[in-house]
PDB file of N, CA and C in Angstrom:
ATOM      1  N   MET A   1      14.835 -26.206   4.766  1.00  0.00           N
ATOM      2  CA  MET A   1      14.087 -25.110   4.104  1.00  0.00           C
ATOM      3  C   MET A   1      14.787 -23.940   4.406  1.00  0.00           C
ATOM      4  N   PRO A   2      15.009 -23.411   3.430  1.00  0.00           N
ATOM      5  CA  PRO A   2      15.504 -21.924   3.667  1.00  0.00           C
ATOM      6  C   PRO A   2      14.536 -20.801   4.392  1.00  0.00           C
ATOM      7  N   LYS A   3      15.052 -19.772   4.820  1.00  0.00           N
ATOM      8  CA  LYS A   3      14.131 -18.822   5.381  1.00  0.00           C
ATOM      9  C   LYS A   3      13.430 -18.005   4.376  1.00  0.00           C
ATOM     10  N   MET A   4      12.131 -17.477   4.418  1.00  0.00           N
ATOM     11  CA  MET A   4      11.494 -16.728   3.590  1.00  0.00           C
ATOM     12  C   MET A   4      12.254 -15.532   3.304  1.00  0.00           C
ATOM     13  N   LYS A   5      12.299 -14.712   2.359  1.00  0.00           N
ATOM     14  CA  LYS A   5      13.090 -13.514   2.283  1.00  0.00           C
ATOM     15  C   LYS A   5      11.818 -12.492   1.943  1.00  0.00           C
ATOM     16  N   THR A   6      12.055 -11.246   2.684  1.00  0.00           N
ATOM     17  CA  THR A   6      11.028 -10.160   2.587  1.00  0.00           C
ATOM     18  C   THR A   6      11.139  -9.549   1.032  1.00  0.00           C
ATOM     19  N   HIS A   7      10.030  -9.420   0.503  1.00  0.00           N
ATOM     20  CA  HIS A   7      10.079  -8.829  -0.784  1.00  0.00           C
ATOM     21  C   HIS A   7      10.194  -7.309  -0.859  1.00  0.00           C
ATOM     22  N   LYS A   8      11.370  -6.965  -1.262  1.00  0.00           N
ATOM     23  CA  LYS A   8      11.896  -5.366  -0.835  1.00  0.00           C
ATOM     24  C   LYS A   8      10.828  -4.270  -1.640  1.00  0.00           C
ATOM     25  N   GLY A   9      10.278  -4.728  -2.737  1.00  0.00           N
ATOM     26  CA  GLY A   9       9.738  -3.753  -3.438  1.00  0.00           C
ATOM     27  C   GLY A   9       8.474  -3.658  -2.911  1.00  0.00           C
ATOM     28  N   ALA A  10       7.930  -4.700  -2.293  1.00  0.00           N
ATOM     29  CA  ALA A  10       6.448  -4.592  -1.448  1.00  0.00           C
ATOM     30  C   ALA A  10       6.710  -4.136  -0.166  1.00  0.00           C
ATOM     31  N   ALA A  11       7.968  -4.127   0.576  1.00  0.00           N
ATOM     32  CA  ALA A  11       8.184  -3.805   1.817  1.00  0.00           C
ATOM     33  C   ALA A  11       8.204  -2.165   1.874  1.00  0.00           C
ATOM     34  N   LYS A  12       8.769  -1.514   0.830  1.00  0.00           N
ATOM     35  CA  LYS A  12       8.733  -0.178   0.382  1.00  0.00           C
ATOM     36  C   LYS A  12       7.598   0.569   0.281  1.00  0.00           C
ATOM     37  N   ARG A  13       6.560  -0.261  -0.216  1.00  0.00           N
ATOM     38  CA  ARG A  13       5.367   0.253  -0.625  1.00  0.00           C
ATOM     39  C   ARG A  13       4.063   0.166   0.281  1.00  0.00           C
ATOM     40  N   ILE A  14       4.220  -0.800   1.261  1.00  0.00           N
ATOM     41  CA  ILE A  14       3.047  -1.376   2.175  1.00  0.00           C
ATOM     42  C   ILE A  14       3.666  -1.090   3.579  1.00  0.00           C
ATOM     43  N   LYS A  15       3.070  -0.659   4.583  1.00  0.00           N
ATOM     44  CA  LYS A  15       3.339  -0.677   5.958  1.00  0.00           C
ATOM     45  C   LYS A  15       2.088  -1.191   6.735  1.00  0.00           C
ATOM     46  N   LYS A  16       2.584  -1.496   7.816  1.00  0.00           N
ATOM     47  CA  LYS A  16       1.755  -2.170   8.884  1.00  0.00           C
ATOM     48  C   LYS A  16       1.423  -0.973   9.799  1.00  0.00           C
ATOM     49  N   SER A  17      -0.009  -1.005  10.156  1.00  0.00           N
ATOM     50  CA  SER A  17      -0.365   0.003  11.204  1.00  0.00           C
ATOM     51  C   SER A  17      -0.362  -0.667  12.557  1.00  0.00           C
ATOM     52  N   ALA A  18      -0.510   0.143  13.614  1.00  0.00           N
ATOM     53  CA  ALA A  18      -0.211  -0.373  14.931  1.00  0.00           C
ATOM     54  C   ALA A  18      -1.276  -1.302  15.294  1.00  0.00           C
ATOM     55  N   THR A  19      -2.579  -1.443  14.427  1.00  0.00           N
ATOM     56  CA  THR A  19      -3.653  -2.539  14.692  1.00  0.00           C
ATOM     57  C   THR A  19      -3.614  -3.638  13.957  1.00  0.00           C
ATOM     58  N   GLY A  20      -2.406  -3.550  13.037  1.00  0.00           N
ATOM     59  CA  GLY A  20      -2.000  -4.823  12.424  1.00  0.00           C
ATOM     60  C   GLY A  20      -2.830  -4.678  10.988  1.00  0.00           C
ATOM     61  N   LYS A  21      -3.325  -3.547  10.284  1.00  0.00           N
ATOM     62  CA  LYS A  21      -3.876  -3.507   8.969  1.00  0.00           C
ATOM     63  C   LYS A  21      -2.618  -3.087   8.184  1.00  0.00           C
ATOM     64  N   LEU A  22      -2.751  -3.599   6.932  1.00  0.00           N
ATOM     65  CA  LEU A  22      -1.806  -3.393   6.040  1.00  0.00           C
ATOM     66  C   LEU A  22      -2.188  -2.135   5.044  1.00  0.00           C
ATOM     67  N   LEU A  23      -1.285  -1.079   5.180  1.00  0.00           N
ATOM     68  CA  LEU A  23      -1.806   0.225   4.247  1.00  0.00           C
ATOM     69  C   LEU A  23      -0.820   0.506   3.331  1.00  0.00           C
ATOM     70  N   ARG A  24      -1.421   1.127   2.220  1.00  0.00           N
ATOM     71  CA  ARG A  24      -0.735   1.122   0.857  1.00  0.00           C
ATOM     72  C   ARG A  24      -1.109   2.478   0.380  1.00  0.00           C
ATOM     73  N   GLY A  25      -0.241   3.206  -0.614  1.00  0.00           N
ATOM     74  CA  GLY A  25      -0.682   4.452  -0.992  1.00  0.00           C
ATOM     75  C   GLY A  25      -1.600   4.155  -2.387  1.00  0.00           C
ATOM     76  N   ARG A  26      -2.150   5.268  -2.546  1.00  0.00           N
ATOM     77  CA  ARG A  26      -3.268   5.346  -3.781  1.00  0.00           C
ATOM     78  C   ARG A  26      -2.480   5.586  -4.964  1.00  0.00           C
ATOM     79  N   ALA A  27      -3.137   5.097  -6.005  1.00  0.00           N
ATOM     80  CA  ALA A  27      -2.508   5.263  -7.413  1.00  0.00           C
ATOM     81  C   ALA A  27      -3.062   6.829  -7.834  1.00  0.00           C
ATOM     82  N   PHE A  28      -2.501   7.198  -9.036  1.00  0.00           N
ATOM     83  CA  PHE A  28      -2.891   8.725  -9.602  1.00  0.00           C
ATOM     84  C   PHE A  28      -2.698   9.917  -8.821  1.00  0.00           C
ATOM     85  N   ALA A  29      -1.484   9.773  -8.085  1.00  0.00           N
ATOM     86  CA  ALA A  29      -1.388  10.804  -7.266  1.00  0.00           C
ATOM     87  C   ALA A  29       0.191  11.685  -7.380  1.00  0.00           C
ATOM     88  N   SER A  30       0.708  11.320  -8.576  1.00  0.00           N
ATOM     89  CA  SER A  30       2.091  11.951  -8.623  1.00  0.00           C
ATOM     90  C   SER A  30       2.218  13.039  -9.565  1.00  0.00           C
ATOM     91  N   HIS A  31       1.246  12.969 -10.813  1.00  0.00           N
ATOM     92  CA  HIS A  31       1.406  13.884 -11.886  1.00  0.00           C
ATOM     93  C   HIS A  31       0.135  14.105 -12.533  1.00  0.00           C
ATOM     94  N   TYR A  32      -0.117  15.163 -13.349  1.00  0.00           N
ATOM     95  CA  TYR A  32      -1.195  15.584 -14.060  1.00  0.00           C
ATOM     96  C   TYR A  32      -2.341  15.953 -12.930  1.00  0.00           C
ATOM     97  N   LEU A  33      -1.760  16.564 -11.976  1.00  0.00           N
ATOM     98  CA  LEU A  33      -2.492  17.010 -10.855  1.00  0.00           C
ATOM     99  C   LEU A  33      -3.635  18.302 -11.218  1.00  0.00           C
ATOM    100  N   GLU A  34      -3.100  18.842 -12.156  1.00  0.00           N
ATOM    101  CA  GLU A  34      -3.987  20.319 -12.445  1.00  0.00           C
ATOM    102  C   GLU A  34      -5.604  19.723 -13.067  1.00  0.00           C
ATOM    103  N   GLY A  35      -5.626  18.695 -13.655  1.00  0.00           N
ATOM    104  CA  GLY A  35      -6.771  18.223 -14.070  1.00  0.00           C
ATOM    105  C   GLY A  35      -7.714  17.386 -13.149  1.00  0.00           C
ATOM    106  N   LYS A  36      -7.162  17.316 -12.151  1.00  0.00           N
ATOM    107  CA  LYS A  36      -7.855  16.510 -10.985  1.00  0.00           C
ATOM    108  C   LYS A  36      -8.592  17.602 -10.038  1.00  0.00           C
ATOM    109  N   SER A  37      -9.680  17.239  -9.622  1.00  0.00           N
ATOM    110  CA  SER A  37     -10.471  18.163  -8.543  1.00  0.00           C
ATOM    111  C   SER A  37      -9.574  18.159  -7.047  1.00  0.00           C
ATOM    112  N   PRO A  38      -9.578  19.283  -6.412  1.00  0.00           N
ATOM    113  CA  PRO A  38      -9.074  19.370  -5.217  1.00  0.00           C
ATOM    114  C   PRO A  38      -9.568  18.125  -4.231  1.00  0.00           C
ATOM    115  N   GLN A  39     -10.764  17.594  -4.322  1.00  0.00           N
ATOM    116  CA  GLN A  39     -11.092  16.743  -3.424  1.00  0.00           C
ATOM    117  C   GLN A  39     -10.563  15.512  -4.001  1.00  0.00           C
ATOM    118  N   ARG A  40     -10.377  15.117  -5.140  1.00  0.00           N
ATOM    119  CA  ARG A  40      -9.696  13.869  -5.638  1.00  0.00           C
ATOM    120  C   ARG A  40      -8.305  13.911  -5.212  1.00  0.00           C
ATOM    121  N   ARG A  41      -7.591  15.201  -5.180  1.00  0.00           N
ATOM    122  CA  ARG A  41      -6.240  15.334  -4.847  1.00  0.00           C
ATOM    123  C   ARG A  41      -5.920  14.823  -3.515  1.00  0.00           C
ATOM    124  N   ARG A  42      -7.016  15.485  -2.568  1.00  0.00           N
ATOM    125  CA  ARG A  42      -6.788  15.099  -1.126  1.00  0.00           C
ATOM    126  C   ARG A  42      -7.060  13.691  -0.916  1.00  0.00           C
ATOM    127  N   ARG A  43      -7.861  13.048  -1.627  1.00  0.00           N
ATOM    128  CA  ARG A  43      -8.248  11.653  -1.329  1.00  0.00           C
ATOM    129  C   ARG A  43      -7.160  10.741  -1.698  1.00  0.00           C
ATOM    130  N   VAL A  44      -6.302  11.154  -2.848  1.00  0.00           N
ATOM    131  CA  VAL A  44      -5.356  10.042  -3.500  1.00  0.00           C
ATOM    132  C   VAL A  44      -3.718  10.319  -2.460  1.00  0.00           C
ATOM    133  N   GLN A  45      -4.045  11.462  -1.705  1.00  0.00           N
ATOM    134  CA  GLN A  45      -2.960  11.680  -0.716  1.00  0.00           C
ATOM    135  C   GLN A  45      -2.999  10.689   0.466  1.00  0.00           C
ATOM    136  N   ARG A  46      -4.111  10.423   0.834  1.00  0.00           N
ATOM    137  CA  ARG A  46      -4.371   9.452   1.947  1.00  0.00           C
ATOM    138  C   ARG A  46      -4.031   8.055   1.692  1.00  0.00           C
ATOM    139  N   GLU A  47      -3.616   7.305   2.579  1.00  0.00           N
ATOM    140  CA  GLU A  47      -3.435   5.836   2.444  1.00  0.00           C
ATOM    141  C   GLU A  47      -4.572   5.133   2.508  1.00  0.00           C
ATOM    142  N   ALA A  48      -4.625   4.017   1.934  1.00  0.00           N
ATOM    143  CA  ALA A  48      -5.697   3.324   1.809  1.00  0.00           C
ATOM    144  C   ALA A  48      -5.447   1.706   2.456  1.00  0.00           C
ATOM    145  N   GLU A  49      -6.314   0.872   2.939  1.00  0.00           N
ATOM    146  CA  GLU A  49      -6.005  -0.473   3.349  1.00  0.00           C
ATOM    147  C   GLU A  49      -5.908  -1.457   2.120  1.00  0.00           C
ATOM    148  N   VAL A  50      -5.190  -2.262   2.360  1.00  0.00           N
ATOM    149  CA  VAL A  50      -5.011  -3.256   1.206  1.00  0.00           C
ATOM    150  C   VAL A  50      -6.249  -4.009   1.299  1.00  0.00           C
ATOM    151  N   SER A  51      -6.744  -4.481   0.160  1.00  0.00           N
ATOM    152  CA  SER A  51      -8.060  -5.168   0.059  1.00  0.00           C
ATOM    153  C   SER A  51      -8.136  -6.621   0.757  1.00  0.00           C
ATOM    154  N   LYS A  52      -9.282  -7.261   1.122  1.00  0.00           N
ATOM    155  CA  LYS A  52      -9.116  -8.364   1.858  1.00  0.00           C
ATOM    156  C   LYS A  52      -8.648  -9.647   0.880  1.00  0.00           C
ATOM    157  N   ALA A  53      -9.101  -9.552  -0.226  1.00  0.00           N
ATOM    158  CA  ALA A  53      -8.714 -10.445  -1.319  1.00  0.00           C
ATOM    159  C   ALA A  53      -7.032 -10.242  -1.403  1.00  0.00           C
ATOM    160  N   ASP A  54      -6.494  -9.419  -1.220  1.00  0.00           N
ATOM    161  CA  ASP A  54      -5.036  -9.435  -1.407  1.00  0.00           C
ATOM    162  C   ASP A  54      -4.368  -9.431  -0.113  1.00  0.00           C
ATOM    163  N   THR A  55      -4.974  -9.404   0.930  1.00  0.00           N
ATOM    164  CA  THR A  55      -3.992  -9.428   2.430  1.00  0.00           C
ATOM    165  C   THR A  55      -3.226 -10.468   2.414  1.00  0.00           C
ATOM    166  N   LYS A  56      -3.767 -11.890   2.144  1.00  0.00           N
ATOM    167  CA  LYS A  56      -3.067 -12.771   2.378  1.00  0.00           C
ATOM    168  C   LYS A  56      -1.599 -13.094   1.505  1.00  0.00           C
ATOM    169  N   ARG A  57      -1.849 -12.629   0.205  1.00  0.00           N
ATOM    170  CA  ARG A  57      -0.641 -12.597  -0.606  1.00  0.00           C
ATOM    171  C   ARG A  57       0.503 -11.382  -0.283  1.00  0.00           C
ATOM    172  N   VAL A  58      -0.171 -10.480   0.269  1.00  0.00           N
ATOM    173  CA  VAL A  58       0.827  -9.287   0.687  1.00  0.00           C
ATOM    174  C   VAL A  58       1.503  -9.507   1.932  1.00  0.00           C
ATOM    175  N   LYS A  59       0.723 -10.350   2.855  1.00  0.00           N
ATOM    176  CA  LYS A  59       1.486 -10.641   3.969  1.00  0.00           C
ATOM    177  C   LYS A  59       2.660 -11.895   3.825  1.00  0.00           C
ATOM    178  N   ARG A  60       2.401 -12.598   2.741  1.00  0.00           N
ATOM    179  CA  ARG A  60       3.521 -13.371   2.285  1.00  0.00           C
ATOM    180  C   ARG A  60       4.539 -12.757   2.050  1.00  0.00           C
ATOM    181  N   LEU A  61       4.322 -11.666   1.052  1.00  0.00           N
ATOM    182  CA  LEU A  61       5.362 -10.853   0.615  1.00  0.00           C
ATOM    183  C   LEU A  61       6.381 -10.211   1.717  1.00  0.00           C
ATOM    184  N   LEU A  62       5.655  -9.744   2.523  1.00  0.00           N
ATOM    185  CA  LEU A  62       6.143  -8.957   3.680  1.00  0.00           C
ATOM    186  C   LEU A  62       6.912 -10.012   4.786  1.00  0.00           C
ATOM    187  N   GLY A  63       6.625 -11.215   4.667  1.00  0.00           N
ATOM    188  CA  GLY A  63       7.240 -12.130   5.579  1.00  0.00           C
ATOM    189  C   GLY A  63       6.608 -12.191   6.848  1.00  0.00           C
ATOM    190  N   SER A  64       5.306 -11.696   6.993  1.00  0.00           N
ATOM    191  CA  SER A  64       4.563 -11.423   8.291  1.00  0.00           C
ATOM    192  C   SER A  64       3.470 -12.341   8.492  1.00  0.00           C
TER     193      SER A  64
END
């Protein structure tokens, strides 16, 4: 059986925290920022945790 390869697209977007949580960027943060409130702009800058439902699939993509 060959080794599992890391999904490079996922690896560039998702990182693992020191405690083992999977962190992802939020959507809607790149353009049309004038129409969004400052609070919303700050919120989308922060990273979010990958949802519990997706964690198993994402871990498989990352090979961990």
